[in-house]
Amino acid sequence: MAPRARSLLEQLVQGRFIRRSVSRSAVALCRSGTCYIFPLLGAFLADSFWGRYFTIIIFSVVYLMVRTHLTLSPLRLLSTT
């Protein structure tokens, strides 16, 4: 058996992969939950307070800021190495 495969098999037997998969499934569950709750939040805000177009603008700006941060954050890590 190749050394890499043996190392993976040892980690699997010791239960290291199980903890990682549990945390990954928790992240996936949290992400899918927020994907369902944010449209409801936006609908509530639009109907009750802000109006349709202002709500779309606010959430679009927030989305753009998050995507920009996610795009630029690896660049900062690359520049420090």
C-alpha atoms as a PDB file:
ATOM      1  CA  MET A   1       0.000   0.000   0.000  1.00  0.00           C
ATOM      2  CA  ALA A   2       1.305   3.458  -0.889  1.00  0.00           C
ATOM      3  CA  PRO A   3       2.371   5.680   2.034  1.00  0.00           C
ATOM      4  CA  ARG A   4      -0.254   8.300   1.236  1.00  0.00           C
ATOM      5  CA  ALA A   5      -3.053   5.720   1.100  1.00  0.00           C
ATOM      6  CA  ARG A   6      -1.864   4.190   4.352  1.00  0.00           C
ATOM      7  CA  SER A   7      -1.890   7.606   6.019  1.00  0.00           C
ATOM      8  CA  LEU A   8      -5.437   8.272   4.766  1.00  0.00           C
ATOM      9  CA  LEU A   9      -6.560   4.865   5.958  1.00  0.00           C
ATOM     10  CA  GLU A  10      -5.057   5.460   9.413  1.00  0.00           C
ATOM     11  CA  GLN A  11      -6.811   8.814   9.678  1.00  0.00           C
ATOM     12  CA  LEU A  12     -10.101   7.225   8.640  1.00  0.00           C
ATOM     13  CA  VAL A  13      -9.738   4.512  11.277  1.00  0.00           C
ATOM     14  CA  GLN A  14      -8.867   7.089  13.955  1.00  0.00           C
ATOM     15  CA  GLY A  15     -12.034   9.046  13.162  1.00  0.00           C
ATOM     16  CA  ARG A  16     -10.463  12.273  11.931  1.00  0.00           C
ATOM     17  CA  PHE A  17     -12.542  12.399   8.755  1.00  0.00           C
ATOM     18  CA  ILE A  18     -15.776  11.897  10.636  1.00  0.00           C
ATOM     19  CA  ARG A  19     -15.327  15.130  12.609  1.00  0.00           C
ATOM     20  CA  ARG A  20     -14.538  17.041   9.450  1.00  0.00           C
ATOM     21  CA  SER A  21     -17.613  15.736   7.649  1.00  0.00           C
ATOM     22  CA  VAL A  22     -19.833  16.648  10.605  1.00  0.00           C
ATOM     23  CA  SER A  23     -18.561  20.211  10.613  1.00  0.00           C
ATOM     24  CA  ARG A  24     -18.971  20.410   6.842  1.00  0.00           C
ATOM     25  CA  SER A  25     -22.545  19.210   7.058  1.00  0.00           C
ATOM     26  CA  ALA A  26     -23.235  21.766   9.800  1.00  0.00           C
ATOM     27  CA  VAL A  27     -21.893  24.526   7.555  1.00  0.00           C
ATOM     28  CA  ALA A  28     -23.972  23.280   4.625  1.00  0.00           C
ATOM     29  CA  LEU A  29     -27.083  23.151   6.812  1.00  0.00           C
ATOM     30  CA  CYS A  30     -26.467  26.670   8.104  1.00  0.00           C
ATOM     31  CA  ARG A  31     -25.926  27.951   4.568  1.00  0.00           C
ATOM     32  CA  SER A  32     -29.090  26.373   3.237  1.00  0.00           C
ATOM     33  CA  GLY A  33     -31.023  27.723   6.207  1.00  0.00           C
ATOM     34  CA  THR A  34     -29.860  31.262   5.531  1.00  0.00           C
ATOM     35  CA  CYS A  35     -30.701  30.847   1.841  1.00  0.00           C
ATOM     36  CA  TYR A  36     -34.301  30.184   2.849  1.00  0.00           C
ATOM     37  CA  ILE A  37     -34.612  32.771   5.630  1.00  0.00           C
ATOM     38  CA  PHE A  38     -33.134  35.838   3.892  1.00  0.00           C
ATOM     39  CA  PRO A  39     -35.801  36.054   1.151  1.00  0.00           C
ATOM     40  CA  LEU A  40     -38.437  35.961   3.880  1.00  0.00           C
ATOM     41  CA  LEU A  41     -36.615  38.697   5.768  1.00  0.00           C
ATOM     42  CA  GLY A  42     -36.353  40.777   2.604  1.00  0.00           C
ATOM     43  CA  ALA A  43     -40.047  40.307   1.859  1.00  0.00           C
ATOM     44  CA  PHE A  44     -40.972  41.380   5.384  1.00  0.00           C
ATOM     45  CA  LEU A  45     -38.770  44.482   5.200  1.00  0.00           C
ATOM     46  CA  ALA A  46     -40.056  45.381   1.751  1.00  0.00           C
ATOM     47  CA  ASP A  47     -43.710  45.007   2.680  1.00  0.00           C
ATOM     48  CA  SER A  48     -43.488  46.639   6.090  1.00  0.00           C
ATOM     49  CA  PHE A  49     -40.859  49.350   5.965  1.00  0.00           C
ATOM     50  CA  TRP A  50     -38.701  50.092   2.945  1.00  0.00           C
ATOM     51  CA  GLY A  51     -40.584  49.281  -0.218  1.00  0.00           C
ATOM     52  CA  ARG A  52     -39.623  46.969  -3.038  1.00  0.00           C
ATOM     53  CA  TYR A  53     -36.907  48.934  -4.824  1.00  0.00           C
ATOM     54  CA  PHE A  54     -35.124  50.274  -1.751  1.00  0.00           C
ATOM     55  CA  THR A  55     -34.952  46.729  -0.318  1.00  0.00           C
ATOM     56  CA  ILE A  56     -33.461  45.439  -3.564  1.00  0.00           C
ATOM     57  CA  ILE A  57     -30.866  48.218  -3.554  1.00  0.00           C
ATOM     58  CA  ILE A  58     -29.885  47.649   0.091  1.00  0.00           C
ATOM     59  CA  PHE A  59     -29.484  43.890  -0.255  1.00  0.00           C
ATOM     60  CA  SER A  60     -27.654  44.286  -3.581  1.00  0.00           C
ATOM     61  CA  VAL A  61     -25.139  46.646  -1.979  1.00  0.00           C
ATOM     62  CA  VAL A  62     -24.623  44.229   0.921  1.00  0.00           C
ATOM     63  CA  TYR A  63     -24.194  41.353  -1.549  1.00  0.00           C
ATOM     64  CA  LEU A  64     -21.683  43.341  -3.589  1.00  0.00           C
ATOM     65  CA  MET A  65     -19.663  44.241  -0.490  1.00  0.00           C
ATOM     66  CA  VAL A  66     -19.515  40.599   0.664  1.00  0.00           C
ATOM     67  CA  ARG A  67     -18.542  39.319  -2.782  1.00  0.00           C
ATOM     68  CA  THR A  68     -15.830  41.971  -3.070  1.00  0.00           C
ATOM     69  CA  HIS A  69     -14.461  41.014   0.326  1.00  0.00           C
ATOM     70  CA  LEU A  70     -14.467  37.319  -0.614  1.00  0.00           C
ATOM     71  CA  THR A  71     -12.691  38.115  -3.866  1.00  0.00           C
ATOM     72  CA  LEU A  72     -10.013  40.343  -2.357  1.00  0.00           C
ATOM     73  CA  SER A  73      -9.270  38.393   0.836  1.00  0.00           C
ATOM     74  CA  PRO A  74      -7.120  35.696  -0.871  1.00  0.00           C
ATOM     75  CA  LEU A  75      -5.101  38.443  -2.548  1.00  0.00           C
ATOM     76  CA  ARG A  76      -4.120  39.827   0.836  1.00  0.00           C
ATOM     77  CA  LEU A  77      -2.921  36.381   1.908  1.00  0.00           C
ATOM     78  CA  LEU A  78      -0.882  36.002  -1.270  1.00  0.00           C
ATOM     79  CA  SER A  79       0.808  39.362  -0.860  1.00  0.00           C
ATOM     80  CA  THR A  80       2.056  38.519   2.663  1.00  0.00           C
ATOM     81  CA  THR A  81       3.862  35.344   1.570  1.00  0.00           C
END
